[in-house]
Amino acid sequence: MEDVLRVIVENLVENKDAIKIVREDKDDGFIKFKVTVAQDEMGKVIGKQGKVAQSIKSLMRAVGGKEQKKVEVEFVD
């Protein structure tokens, strides 16, 4: 699941070395991903009015649903 998120983010930014994804597993089947990219490329990941970020979150919820997991994605500055 983390691989899917990494591929999506890598295709949005130029500085792929600055991508950092931290996965936090909770006991109740809840997974939280914290995504960090280069400061000057955060806008590319969030998109106008947050539409790209919202699409990424929706896609990851769908991927998690296939595995009966609840997924949340947080973009960290």
Protein backbone atom coordinates (compact mmCIF):
# COMPACT_ATOMS: atom_id res chain seq x y z
CA MET A 1 0.00 0.00 0.00
CA GLU A 2 2.88 2.35 0.78
CA ASP A 3 4.34 1.53 -2.64
CA VAL A 4 1.21 2.82 -4.37
CA LEU A 5 1.41 6.08 -2.46
CA ARG A 6 5.13 6.44 -3.22
CA VAL A 7 4.57 5.95 -6.98
CA ILE A 8 1.83 8.59 -7.01
CA VAL A 9 3.91 11.16 -5.15
CA GLU A 10 7.07 10.42 -7.17
CA ASN A 11 5.19 11.21 -10.37
CA LEU A 12 4.10 14.60 -9.02
CA VAL A 13 7.45 15.96 -7.80
CA GLU A 14 10.88 16.42 -9.32
CA ASN A 15 13.01 15.92 -6.18
CA LYS A 16 12.29 12.25 -5.51
CA ASP A 17 15.04 12.03 -2.87
CA ALA A 18 13.15 14.41 -0.59
CA ILE A 19 10.08 12.17 -0.38
CA LYS A 20 9.54 10.69 3.05
CA ILE A 21 6.59 8.48 3.90
CA VAL A 22 6.01 7.36 7.47
CA ARG A 23 3.46 4.62 8.15
CA GLU A 24 1.70 4.41 11.51
CA ASP A 25 -0.33 1.25 12.19
CA LYS A 26 -3.00 1.38 14.87
CA ASP A 27 -4.53 -1.58 16.69
CA ASP A 28 -7.98 -1.18 15.15
CA GLY A 29 -6.84 -1.72 11.54
CA PHE A 30 -6.31 1.98 10.96
CA ILE A 31 -3.26 3.07 8.94
CA LYS A 32 -1.98 6.63 8.78
CA PHE A 33 0.60 7.76 6.22
CA LYS A 34 2.51 10.98 6.80
CA VAL A 35 3.97 12.30 3.54
CA THR A 36 6.75 14.87 3.40
CA VAL A 37 8.19 16.32 0.18
CA ALA A 38 10.54 19.22 -0.56
CA GLN A 39 9.09 22.48 0.73
CA ASP A 40 9.00 24.11 -2.72
CA GLU A 41 7.11 21.14 -4.21
CA MET A 42 4.36 20.80 -1.61
CA GLY A 43 2.06 22.83 -3.86
CA LYS A 44 2.34 20.21 -6.60
CA VAL A 45 1.18 17.50 -4.22
CA ILE A 46 -1.66 19.54 -2.74
CA GLY A 47 -2.85 21.07 -6.02
CA LYS A 48 -5.25 23.94 -6.60
CA GLN A 49 -7.80 24.13 -3.78
CA GLY A 50 -6.41 20.82 -2.47
CA LYS A 51 -7.90 18.76 -5.28
CA VAL A 52 -4.78 16.65 -5.95
CA ALA A 53 -4.35 15.92 -2.24
CA GLN A 54 -8.02 14.99 -1.93
CA SER A 55 -7.73 12.65 -4.92
CA ILE A 56 -4.69 10.96 -3.40
CA LYS A 57 -6.54 10.48 -0.12
CA SER A 58 -9.57 9.01 -1.90
CA LEU A 59 -7.45 6.64 -3.92
CA MET A 60 -5.58 5.44 -0.82
CA ARG A 61 -8.88 4.88 1.04
CA ALA A 62 -10.00 2.71 -1.88
CA VAL A 63 -6.73 0.74 -1.83
CA GLY A 64 -7.08 0.28 1.93
CA GLY A 65 -10.69 -0.81 1.53
CA LYS A 66 -9.59 -3.74 -0.59
CA GLU A 67 -7.52 -4.91 2.40
CA GLN A 68 -10.24 -4.08 4.97
CA LYS A 69 -8.12 -1.26 6.40
CA LYS A 70 -9.00 2.36 7.09
CA VAL A 71 -6.38 4.64 5.57
CA GLU A 72 -5.62 8.29 6.19
CA VAL A 73 -2.99 10.35 4.36
CA GLU A 74 -1.52 13.49 5.92
CA PHE A 75 0.75 15.89 4.07
CA VAL A 76 3.33 17.36 6.46
CA ASP A 77 5.30 20.55 5.83
